[in-house]
Amino acid sequence: MDTTVFNSSESQLKLIVKDVDPTFMNSLRRTIMAEVQIPAVEKVYIAENTSVLYDDMIAHRLGLIPLKGGEILLPAEECDCGGKGCPKCESVLTLDVEAQEDSSMVYSGRLKAEGSVFPANNNILIVELNAGQKITLEAHARLGRGQEHAKWQPVSAAAVQFEPVIAIDQKKCNQCGDCVKECPKKVLAVEGKKIVITSLWDCSMCKVCEEICPSSSIKVSYNDKNSLLYIETTGSMTNDALVIAACDRILHKAADLKKSFKELPEAS
């Protein structure tokens, strides 16, 4: 297996993986979405709320704010408290705001971290308050997985794309340029007396170029042994940490499966 970082930024990653079965790539994608643990607000205790939003709406909005940290937290199911909630498995965030003027925006940056968890982005709007309106609350965050609730998904997007294969028969091609003009992704160009591919991985395999070619000199297909993994993180984890955590999770599940096979009774 050969891996290459195609493109990487603070919130996005494009990773090309070659010579690997497509089922593994899909397993990696699904594990990233559903089985990597991150913190999110699970309980909200509201002491005062005179805003226009109901308590449950405030709690819902807090739950969907991406959080960072929580490395010292235990999963609720592994904690001595049995998941009831204690400092070992929960981290507290507090919010105490009273508006001094109308149209006062309360952002996630106003949440005060009392433990190891804090907002990944300080500019997420929670509520708009008018003069005199007040919110006082305590939010408890715990670790969870995306398979439990979307608020524990560490990515807003995760997709796998097979490598496009664009075969151009230069002998049949008359360089009319129709494919270059009609390609919606602009992956083809005319250089000299040839049609060339300028950005293969931008190809969406729509086959417009194949259909528009008057000489039928272009064929579009794909190679499922080479894939591009695209993820867009919410900010709870970095790109590399997220992929590594997903791989570790797959290895852990594989080890558990191997152990289960060994514990099966032998056939008589």
C-alpha atoms as a PDB file:
ATOM      1  CA  MET A   1       0.000   0.000   0.000  1.00  0.00           C
ATOM      2  CA  ASP A   2       1.343   3.418  -1.012  1.00  0.00           C
ATOM      3  CA  THR A   3      -0.080   6.650   0.421  1.00  0.00           C
ATOM      4  CA  THR A   4       0.363  10.233  -0.756  1.00  0.00           C
ATOM      5  CA  VAL A   5      -1.081  13.434   0.708  1.00  0.00           C
ATOM      6  CA  PHE A   6      -2.756  15.025  -2.305  1.00  0.00           C
ATOM      7  CA  ASN A   7      -3.957  18.136  -0.507  1.00  0.00           C
ATOM      8  CA  SER A   8      -4.087  19.154   3.142  1.00  0.00           C
ATOM      9  CA  SER A   9      -5.297  22.170   5.083  1.00  0.00           C
ATOM     10  CA  GLU A  10      -6.374  22.825   8.662  1.00  0.00           C
ATOM     11  CA  SER A  11      -9.844  21.365   8.102  1.00  0.00           C
ATOM     12  CA  GLN A  12      -9.531  19.263   4.919  1.00  0.00           C
ATOM     13  CA  LEU A  13      -7.461  16.306   3.788  1.00  0.00           C
ATOM     14  CA  LYS A  14      -7.171  14.496   0.463  1.00  0.00           C
ATOM     15  CA  LEU A  15      -5.186  11.289   0.754  1.00  0.00           C
ATOM     16  CA  ILE A  16      -4.361   9.069  -2.236  1.00  0.00           C
ATOM     17  CA  VAL A  17      -4.003   5.380  -1.341  1.00  0.00           C
ATOM     18  CA  LYS A  18      -2.733   2.945  -3.991  1.00  0.00           C
ATOM     19  CA  ASP A  19      -2.821  -0.849  -4.272  1.00  0.00           C
ATOM     20  CA  VAL A  20      -5.481  -1.389  -1.615  1.00  0.00           C
ATOM     21  CA  ASP A  21      -8.811  -3.188  -1.675  1.00  0.00           C
ATOM     22  CA  PRO A  22     -11.805  -0.802  -1.921  1.00  0.00           C
ATOM     23  CA  THR A  23     -13.494  -2.521   1.027  1.00  0.00           C
ATOM     24  CA  PHE A  24     -10.670  -1.354   3.300  1.00  0.00           C
ATOM     25  CA  MET A  25     -11.067   2.238   2.130  1.00  0.00           C
ATOM     26  CA  ASN A  26     -14.782   2.102   2.827  1.00  0.00           C
ATOM     27  CA  SER A  27     -14.080   0.617   6.267  1.00  0.00           C
ATOM     28  CA  LEU A  28     -11.703   3.490   6.975  1.00  0.00           C
ATOM     29  CA  ARG A  29     -14.286   6.039   5.847  1.00  0.00           C
ATOM     30  CA  ARG A  30     -17.046   4.501   7.969  1.00  0.00           C
ATOM     31  CA  THR A  31     -14.761   4.207  10.998  1.00  0.00           C
ATOM     32  CA  ILE A  32     -13.811   7.884  10.741  1.00  0.00           C
ATOM     33  CA  MET A  33     -17.478   8.852  10.651  1.00  0.00           C
ATOM     34  CA  ALA A  34     -18.875   6.488  13.267  1.00  0.00           C
ATOM     35  CA  GLU A  35     -16.269   5.039  15.627  1.00  0.00           C
ATOM     36  CA  VAL A  36     -13.627   7.606  16.545  1.00  0.00           C
ATOM     37  CA  GLN A  37     -14.368   9.040  19.980  1.00  0.00           C
ATOM     38  CA  ILE A  38     -14.560  12.799  20.493  1.00  0.00           C
ATOM     39  CA  PRO A  39     -16.194  14.983  23.193  1.00  0.00           C
ATOM     40  CA  ALA A  40     -19.587  16.662  22.844  1.00  0.00           C
ATOM     41  CA  VAL A  41     -22.108  18.211  25.225  1.00  0.00           C
ATOM     42  CA  GLU A  42     -24.467  15.545  26.563  1.00  0.00           C
ATOM     43  CA  LYS A  43     -26.184  17.235  29.542  1.00  0.00           C
ATOM     44  CA  VAL A  44     -27.192  20.875  30.031  1.00  0.00           C
ATOM     45  CA  TYR A  45     -28.356  22.310  33.347  1.00  0.00           C
ATOM     46  CA  ILE A  46     -30.007  25.707  32.798  1.00  0.00           C
ATOM     47  CA  ALA A  47     -30.377  27.947  35.851  1.00  0.00           C
ATOM     48  CA  GLU A  48     -31.797  30.937  33.984  1.00  0.00           C
ATOM     49  CA  ASN A  49     -32.872  31.567  30.407  1.00  0.00           C
ATOM     50  CA  THR A  50     -34.824  34.686  29.468  1.00  0.00           C
ATOM     51  CA  SER A  51     -33.882  34.544  25.754  1.00  0.00           C
ATOM     52  CA  VAL A  52     -36.397  33.886  22.976  1.00  0.00           C
ATOM     53  CA  LEU A  53     -35.142  30.311  22.578  1.00  0.00           C
ATOM     54  CA  TYR A  54     -36.547  27.475  24.670  1.00  0.00           C
ATOM     55  CA  ASP A  55     -34.221  25.566  26.996  1.00  0.00           C
ATOM     56  CA  ASP A  56     -34.190  22.464  24.782  1.00  0.00           C
ATOM     57  CA  MET A  57     -33.230  24.567  21.745  1.00  0.00           C
ATOM     58  CA  ILE A  58     -30.281  26.049  23.631  1.00  0.00           C
ATOM     59  CA  ALA A  59     -29.232  22.557  24.725  1.00  0.00           C
ATOM     60  CA  HIS A  60     -29.489  21.270  21.141  1.00  0.00           C
ATOM     61  CA  ARG A  61     -27.305  24.082  19.816  1.00  0.00           C
ATOM     62  CA  LEU A  62     -24.694  23.482  22.516  1.00  0.00           C
ATOM     63  CA  GLY A  63     -24.617  19.785  21.679  1.00  0.00           C
ATOM     64  CA  LEU A  64     -23.676  20.507  18.058  1.00  0.00           C
ATOM     65  CA  ILE A  65     -20.726  22.786  18.883  1.00  0.00           C
ATOM     66  CA  PRO A  66     -17.496  20.877  18.031  1.00  0.00           C
ATOM     67  CA  LEU A  67     -15.283  20.456  21.094  1.00  0.00           C
ATOM     68  CA  LYS A  68     -11.574  19.759  21.457  1.00  0.00           C
ATOM     69  CA  GLY A  69      -9.586  18.133  24.235  1.00  0.00           C
ATOM     70  CA  GLY A  70     -10.873  15.476  26.582  1.00  0.00           C
ATOM     71  CA  GLU A  71      -7.759  13.280  26.294  1.00  0.00           C
ATOM     72  CA  ILE A  72      -7.906  12.525  30.034  1.00  0.00           C
ATOM     73  CA  LEU A  73     -11.602  11.593  29.989  1.00  0.00           C
ATOM     74  CA  LEU A  74     -12.727   7.986  30.268  1.00  0.00           C
ATOM     75  CA  PRO A  75     -15.536   6.655  28.072  1.00  0.00           C
ATOM     76  CA  ALA A  76     -18.736   6.703  30.147  1.00  0.00           C
ATOM     77  CA  GLU A  77     -19.171   2.938  29.823  1.00  0.00           C
ATOM     78  CA  GLU A  78     -15.692   2.335  31.283  1.00  0.00           C
ATOM     79  CA  CYS A  79     -15.978   4.773  34.201  1.00  0.00           C
ATOM     80  CA  ASP A  80     -16.428   3.695  37.834  1.00  0.00           C
ATOM     81  CA  CYS A  81     -19.613   5.779  38.043  1.00  0.00           C
ATOM     82  CA  GLY A  82     -21.326   3.487  35.550  1.00  0.00           C
ATOM     83  CA  GLY A  83     -22.036   6.317  33.143  1.00  0.00           C
ATOM     84  CA  LYS A  84     -23.955   8.471  35.633  1.00  0.00           C
ATOM     85  CA  GLY A  85     -21.418  11.281  35.235  1.00  0.00           C
ATOM     86  CA  CYS A  86     -18.372  12.248  37.285  1.00  0.00           C
ATOM     87  CA  PRO A  87     -15.152  14.266  36.813  1.00  0.00           C
ATOM     88  CA  LYS A  88     -13.444  11.190  35.354  1.00  0.00           C
ATOM     89  CA  CYS A  89     -15.825  10.881  32.394  1.00  0.00           C
ATOM     90  CA  GLU A  90     -17.360  14.369  32.106  1.00  0.00           C
ATOM     91  CA  SER A  91     -15.933  17.843  31.556  1.00  0.00           C
ATOM     92  CA  VAL A  92     -17.862  20.968  32.483  1.00  0.00           C
ATOM     93  CA  LEU A  93     -18.428  24.134  30.455  1.00  0.00           C
ATOM     94  CA  THR A  94     -20.247  27.142  31.912  1.00  0.00           C
ATOM     95  CA  LEU A  95     -22.031  30.099  30.341  1.00  0.00           C
ATOM     96  CA  ASP A  96     -23.161  33.188  32.267  1.00  0.00           C
ATOM     97  CA  VAL A  97     -24.162  36.087  30.018  1.00  0.00           C
ATOM     98  CA  GLU A  98     -26.442  39.105  30.461  1.00  0.00           C
ATOM     99  CA  ALA A  99     -26.957  41.410  27.479  1.00  0.00           C
ATOM    100  CA  GLN A 100     -26.318  45.120  28.009  1.00  0.00           C
ATOM    101  CA  GLU A 101     -27.851  46.136  24.679  1.00  0.00           C
ATOM    102  CA  ASP A 102     -30.174  44.769  21.981  1.00  0.00           C
ATOM    103  CA  SER A 103     -28.956  42.279  19.380  1.00  0.00           C
ATOM    104  CA  SER A 104     -26.089  41.017  21.526  1.00  0.00           C
ATOM    105  CA  MET A 105     -24.642  37.871  19.957  1.00  0.00           C
ATOM    106  CA  VAL A 106     -23.499  35.081  22.244  1.00  0.00           C
ATOM    107  CA  TYR A 107     -20.837  32.929  20.605  1.00  0.00           C
ATOM    108  CA  SER A 108     -19.222  29.653  21.597  1.00  0.00           C
ATOM    109  CA  GLY A 109     -16.134  31.552  22.735  1.00  0.00           C
ATOM    110  CA  ARG A 110     -18.144  32.715  25.776  1.00  0.00           C
ATOM    111  CA  LEU A 111     -18.259  29.155  27.089  1.00  0.00           C
ATOM    112  CA  LYS A 112     -15.857  28.876  30.020  1.00  0.00           C
ATOM    113  CA  ALA A 113     -13.996  25.579  30.268  1.00  0.00           C
ATOM    114  CA  GLU A 114     -13.898  24.161  33.784  1.00  0.00           C
ATOM    115  CA  GLY A 115     -12.173  20.946  32.653  1.00  0.00           C
ATOM    116  CA  SER A 116     -10.137  19.555  29.756  1.00  0.00           C
ATOM    117  CA  VAL A 117     -12.730  20.247  27.023  1.00  0.00           C
ATOM    118  CA  PHE A 118     -13.161  23.537  25.150  1.00  0.00           C
ATOM    119  CA  PRO A 119     -14.829  24.769  21.911  1.00  0.00           C
ATOM    120  CA  ALA A 120     -12.955  23.996  18.684  1.00  0.00           C
ATOM    121  CA  ASN A 121     -14.284  27.239  17.195  1.00  0.00           C
ATOM    122  CA  ASN A 122     -15.035  30.389  19.191  1.00  0.00           C
ATOM    123  CA  ASN A 123     -17.254  31.966  16.530  1.00  0.00           C
ATOM    124  CA  ILE A 124     -20.284  29.651  16.521  1.00  0.00           C
ATOM    125  CA  LEU A 125     -23.472  31.537  17.344  1.00  0.00           C
ATOM    126  CA  ILE A 126     -25.458  30.164  20.287  1.00  0.00           C
ATOM    127  CA  VAL A 127     -28.181  32.785  20.740  1.00  0.00           C
ATOM    128  CA  GLU A 128     -29.024  36.446  20.216  1.00  0.00           C
ATOM    129  CA  LEU A 129     -30.007  38.409  23.326  1.00  0.00           C
ATOM    130  CA  ASN A 130     -31.720  41.743  23.774  1.00  0.00           C
ATOM    131  CA  ALA A 131     -30.933  44.168  26.602  1.00  0.00           C
ATOM    132  CA  GLY A 132     -31.640  42.606  30.001  1.00  0.00           C
ATOM    133  CA  GLN A 133     -31.964  39.040  28.723  1.00  0.00           C
ATOM    134  CA  LYS A 134     -29.759  36.506  30.468  1.00  0.00           C
ATOM    135  CA  ILE A 135     -28.533  32.926  30.184  1.00  0.00           C
ATOM    136  CA  THR A 136     -26.851  31.009  32.980  1.00  0.00           C
ATOM    137  CA  LEU A 137     -26.099  27.334  32.434  1.00  0.00           C
ATOM    138  CA  GLU A 138     -23.710  24.462  32.963  1.00  0.00           C
ATOM    139  CA  ALA A 139     -22.956  22.019  30.133  1.00  0.00           C
ATOM    140  CA  HIS A 140     -21.425  18.581  30.713  1.00  0.00           C
ATOM    141  CA  ALA A 141     -19.450  17.021  27.860  1.00  0.00           C
ATOM    142  CA  ARG A 142     -18.445  13.372  27.505  1.00  0.00           C
ATOM    143  CA  LEU A 143     -16.793  11.161  24.925  1.00  0.00           C
ATOM    144  CA  GLY A 144     -18.936   9.457  22.311  1.00  0.00           C
ATOM    145  CA  ARG A 145     -19.015   8.061  18.781  1.00  0.00           C
ATOM    146  CA  GLY A 146     -20.847   9.131  15.651  1.00  0.00           C
ATOM    147  CA  GLN A 147     -22.831   5.889  15.623  1.00  0.00           C
ATOM    148  CA  GLU A 148     -24.536   7.125  18.818  1.00  0.00           C
ATOM    149  CA  HIS A 149     -25.360  10.649  17.613  1.00  0.00           C
ATOM    150  CA  ALA A 150     -24.246  13.004  14.827  1.00  0.00           C
ATOM    151  CA  LYS A 151     -22.828  15.452  17.390  1.00  0.00           C
ATOM    152  CA  TRP A 152     -19.982  12.967  17.976  1.00  0.00           C
ATOM    153  CA  GLN A 153     -19.015  12.794  14.308  1.00  0.00           C
ATOM    154  CA  PRO A 154     -15.513  14.283  13.930  1.00  0.00           C
ATOM    155  CA  VAL A 155     -16.122  15.069  10.238  1.00  0.00           C
ATOM    156  CA  SER A 156     -18.698  17.023   8.286  1.00  0.00           C
ATOM    157  CA  ALA A 157     -17.783  15.086   5.142  1.00  0.00           C
ATOM    158  CA  ALA A 158     -16.013  11.803   4.402  1.00  0.00           C
ATOM    159  CA  ALA A 159     -15.884  10.246   0.944  1.00  0.00           C
ATOM    160  CA  VAL A 160     -13.871   7.778  -1.115  1.00  0.00           C
ATOM    161  CA  GLN A 161     -13.299   8.277  -4.840  1.00  0.00           C
ATOM    162  CA  PHE A 162     -11.824   5.636  -7.120  1.00  0.00           C
ATOM    163  CA  GLU A 163      -8.996   6.692  -9.439  1.00  0.00           C
ATOM    164  CA  PRO A 164     -10.403   7.880 -12.778  1.00  0.00           C
ATOM    165  CA  VAL A 165      -9.004   6.247 -15.903  1.00  0.00           C
ATOM    166  CA  ILE A 166      -9.197   8.377 -19.058  1.00  0.00           C
ATOM    167  CA  ALA A 167      -7.966   6.482 -22.112  1.00  0.00           C
ATOM    168  CA  ILE A 168      -7.331   8.681 -25.159  1.00  0.00           C
ATOM    169  CA  ASP A 169      -6.631   7.077 -28.540  1.00  0.00           C
ATOM    170  CA  GLN A 170      -4.388   9.741 -30.051  1.00  0.00           C
ATOM    171  CA  LYS A 171      -4.443   8.031 -33.464  1.00  0.00           C
ATOM    172  CA  LYS A 172      -8.223   8.320 -33.743  1.00  0.00           C
ATOM    173  CA  CYS A 173      -8.428  11.763 -32.136  1.00  0.00           C
ATOM    174  CA  ASN A 174      -8.670  14.704 -34.565  1.00  0.00           C
ATOM    175  CA  GLN A 175      -7.995  17.357 -31.856  1.00  0.00           C
ATOM    176  CA  CYS A 176     -11.345  19.047 -32.419  1.00  0.00           C
ATOM    177  CA  GLY A 177     -11.329  20.233 -28.783  1.00  0.00           C
ATOM    178  CA  ASP A 178     -14.991  19.453 -28.093  1.00  0.00           C
ATOM    179  CA  CYS A 179     -14.087  17.334 -25.064  1.00  0.00           C
ATOM    180  CA  VAL A 180     -11.967  20.164 -23.645  1.00  0.00           C
ATOM    181  CA  LYS A 181     -14.803  22.682 -24.014  1.00  0.00           C
ATOM    182  CA  GLU A 182     -17.531  20.443 -22.594  1.00  0.00           C
ATOM    183  CA  CYS A 183     -15.670  18.892 -19.647  1.00  0.00           C
ATOM    184  CA  PRO A 184     -17.350  20.372 -16.523  1.00  0.00           C
ATOM    185  CA  LYS A 185     -14.246  19.833 -14.377  1.00  0.00           C
ATOM    186  CA  LYS A 186     -11.756  21.132 -16.984  1.00  0.00           C
ATOM    187  CA  VAL A 187      -9.428  18.141 -16.671  1.00  0.00           C
ATOM    188  CA  LEU A 188      -8.489  18.052 -20.368  1.00  0.00           C
ATOM    189  CA  ALA A 189      -6.413  20.397 -22.507  1.00  0.00           C
ATOM    190  CA  VAL A 190      -4.941  20.596 -25.989  1.00  0.00           C
ATOM    191  CA  GLU A 191      -1.149  20.638 -26.058  1.00  0.00           C
ATOM    192  CA  GLY A 192       0.425  20.662 -29.487  1.00  0.00           C
ATOM    193  CA  LYS A 193      -1.402  17.979 -31.440  1.00  0.00           C
ATOM    194  CA  LYS A 194      -2.541  15.951 -28.444  1.00  0.00           C
ATOM    195  CA  ILE A 195      -5.339  15.933 -25.909  1.00  0.00           C
ATOM    196  CA  VAL A 196      -3.740  15.687 -22.463  1.00  0.00           C
ATOM    197  CA  ILE A 197      -5.047  15.186 -18.914  1.00  0.00           C
ATOM    198  CA  THR A 198      -4.214  18.131 -16.656  1.00  0.00           C
ATOM    199  CA  SER A 199      -5.811  17.115 -13.324  1.00  0.00           C
ATOM    200  CA  LEU A 200      -6.855  13.479 -13.226  1.00  0.00           C
ATOM    201  CA  TRP A 201      -8.294  13.409  -9.688  1.00  0.00           C
ATOM    202  CA  ASP A 202     -10.654  16.293 -10.461  1.00  0.00           C
ATOM    203  CA  CYS A 203     -12.466  14.040 -12.944  1.00  0.00           C
ATOM    204  CA  SER A 204     -15.981  13.137 -11.759  1.00  0.00           C
ATOM    205  CA  MET A 205     -16.292  10.344 -14.342  1.00  0.00           C
ATOM    206  CA  CYS A 206     -19.417  11.938 -15.798  1.00  0.00           C
ATOM    207  CA  LYS A 207     -18.357  10.682 -19.268  1.00  0.00           C
ATOM    208  CA  VAL A 208     -19.401  13.898 -21.023  1.00  0.00           C
ATOM    209  CA  CYS A 209     -16.101  13.883 -22.919  1.00  0.00           C
ATOM    210  CA  GLU A 210     -16.699  10.293 -24.033  1.00  0.00           C
ATOM    211  CA  GLU A 211     -20.212  11.082 -25.246  1.00  0.00           C
ATOM    212  CA  ILE A 212     -19.304  14.325 -27.035  1.00  0.00           C
ATOM    213  CA  CYS A 213     -16.247  12.957 -28.884  1.00  0.00           C
ATOM    214  CA  PRO A 214     -17.157  12.600 -32.622  1.00  0.00           C
ATOM    215  CA  SER A 215     -14.382  10.076 -33.246  1.00  0.00           C
ATOM    216  CA  SER A 216     -15.068   7.933 -30.138  1.00  0.00           C
ATOM    217  CA  SER A 217     -11.424   8.243 -29.142  1.00  0.00           C
ATOM    218  CA  ILE A 218     -12.032   8.743 -25.389  1.00  0.00           C
ATOM    219  CA  LYS A 219     -13.056   6.071 -22.897  1.00  0.00           C
ATOM    220  CA  VAL A 220     -13.641   6.835 -19.218  1.00  0.00           C
ATOM    221  CA  SER A 221     -13.537   4.179 -16.483  1.00  0.00           C
ATOM    222  CA  TYR A 222     -11.993   3.761 -13.038  1.00  0.00           C
ATOM    223  CA  ASN A 223      -9.399   1.757 -11.129  1.00  0.00           C
ATOM    224  CA  ASP A 224     -10.800   0.598  -7.791  1.00  0.00           C
ATOM    225  CA  LYS A 225      -7.365  -0.430  -6.493  1.00  0.00           C
ATOM    226  CA  ASN A 226      -6.369   3.227  -6.167  1.00  0.00           C
ATOM    227  CA  SER A 227      -8.553   5.574  -4.139  1.00  0.00           C
ATOM    228  CA  LEU A 228      -8.708   9.130  -2.868  1.00  0.00           C
ATOM    229  CA  LEU A 229      -9.949   9.607   0.693  1.00  0.00           C
ATOM    230  CA  TYR A 230     -11.472  13.050   1.300  1.00  0.00           C
ATOM    231  CA  ILE A 231     -12.338  14.225   4.804  1.00  0.00           C
ATOM    232  CA  GLU A 232     -13.470  17.561   6.173  1.00  0.00           C
ATOM    233  CA  THR A 233     -13.021  17.795   9.935  1.00  0.00           C
ATOM    234  CA  THR A 234     -15.209  19.727  12.362  1.00  0.00           C
ATOM    235  CA  GLY A 235     -12.149  20.826  14.326  1.00  0.00           C
ATOM    236  CA  SER A 236     -12.338  18.302  17.168  1.00  0.00           C
ATOM    237  CA  MET A 237      -9.245  16.475  15.861  1.00  0.00           C
ATOM    238  CA  THR A 238      -6.511  17.230  13.368  1.00  0.00           C
ATOM    239  CA  ASN A 239      -6.482  15.443  10.000  1.00  0.00           C
ATOM    240  CA  ASP A 240      -3.574  13.132  10.775  1.00  0.00           C
ATOM    241  CA  ALA A 241      -4.767  12.336  14.296  1.00  0.00           C
ATOM    242  CA  LEU A 242      -8.192  11.422  12.947  1.00  0.00           C
ATOM    243  CA  VAL A 243      -6.879   9.013  10.293  1.00  0.00           C
ATOM    244  CA  ILE A 244      -4.474   7.403  12.782  1.00  0.00           C
ATOM    245  CA  ALA A 245      -7.251   7.002  15.365  1.00  0.00           C
ATOM    246  CA  ALA A 246      -9.484   5.355  12.755  1.00  0.00           C
ATOM    247  CA  CYS A 247      -6.717   2.920  11.749  1.00  0.00           C
ATOM    248  CA  ASP A 248      -6.089   2.081  15.411  1.00  0.00           C
ATOM    249  CA  ARG A 249      -9.793   1.404  15.869  1.00  0.00           C
ATOM    250  CA  ILE A 250      -9.826  -0.978  12.878  1.00  0.00           C
ATOM    251  CA  LEU A 251      -6.795  -2.838  14.253  1.00  0.00           C
ATOM    252  CA  HIS A 252      -8.439  -3.093  17.672  1.00  0.00           C
ATOM    253  CA  LYS A 253     -11.628  -4.539  16.198  1.00  0.00           C
ATOM    254  CA  ALA A 254      -9.625  -6.991  14.092  1.00  0.00           C
ATOM    255  CA  ALA A 255      -7.757  -8.147  17.211  1.00  0.00           C
ATOM    256  CA  ASP A 256     -11.060  -8.621  19.059  1.00  0.00           C
ATOM    257  CA  LEU A 257     -12.412 -10.682  16.159  1.00  0.00           C
ATOM    258  CA  LYS A 258      -9.281 -12.843  16.103  1.00  0.00           C
ATOM    259  CA  LYS A 259      -9.602 -13.391  19.855  1.00  0.00           C
ATOM    260  CA  SER A 260     -13.267 -14.369  19.470  1.00  0.00           C
ATOM    261  CA  PHE A 261     -12.367 -17.002  16.881  1.00  0.00           C
ATOM    262  CA  LYS A 262      -9.825 -18.540  19.252  1.00  0.00           C
ATOM    263  CA  GLU A 263     -12.472 -18.770  21.977  1.00  0.00           C
ATOM    264  CA  LEU A 264     -14.908 -20.701  19.782  1.00  0.00           C
ATOM    265  CA  PRO A 265     -15.363 -24.361  20.803  1.00  0.00           C
ATOM    266  CA  GLU A 266     -13.596 -26.776  18.495  1.00  0.00           C
ATOM    267  CA  ALA A 267     -15.802 -28.729  16.141  1.00  0.00           C
ATOM    268  CA  SER A 268     -16.173 -32.376  17.150  1.00  0.00           C
END
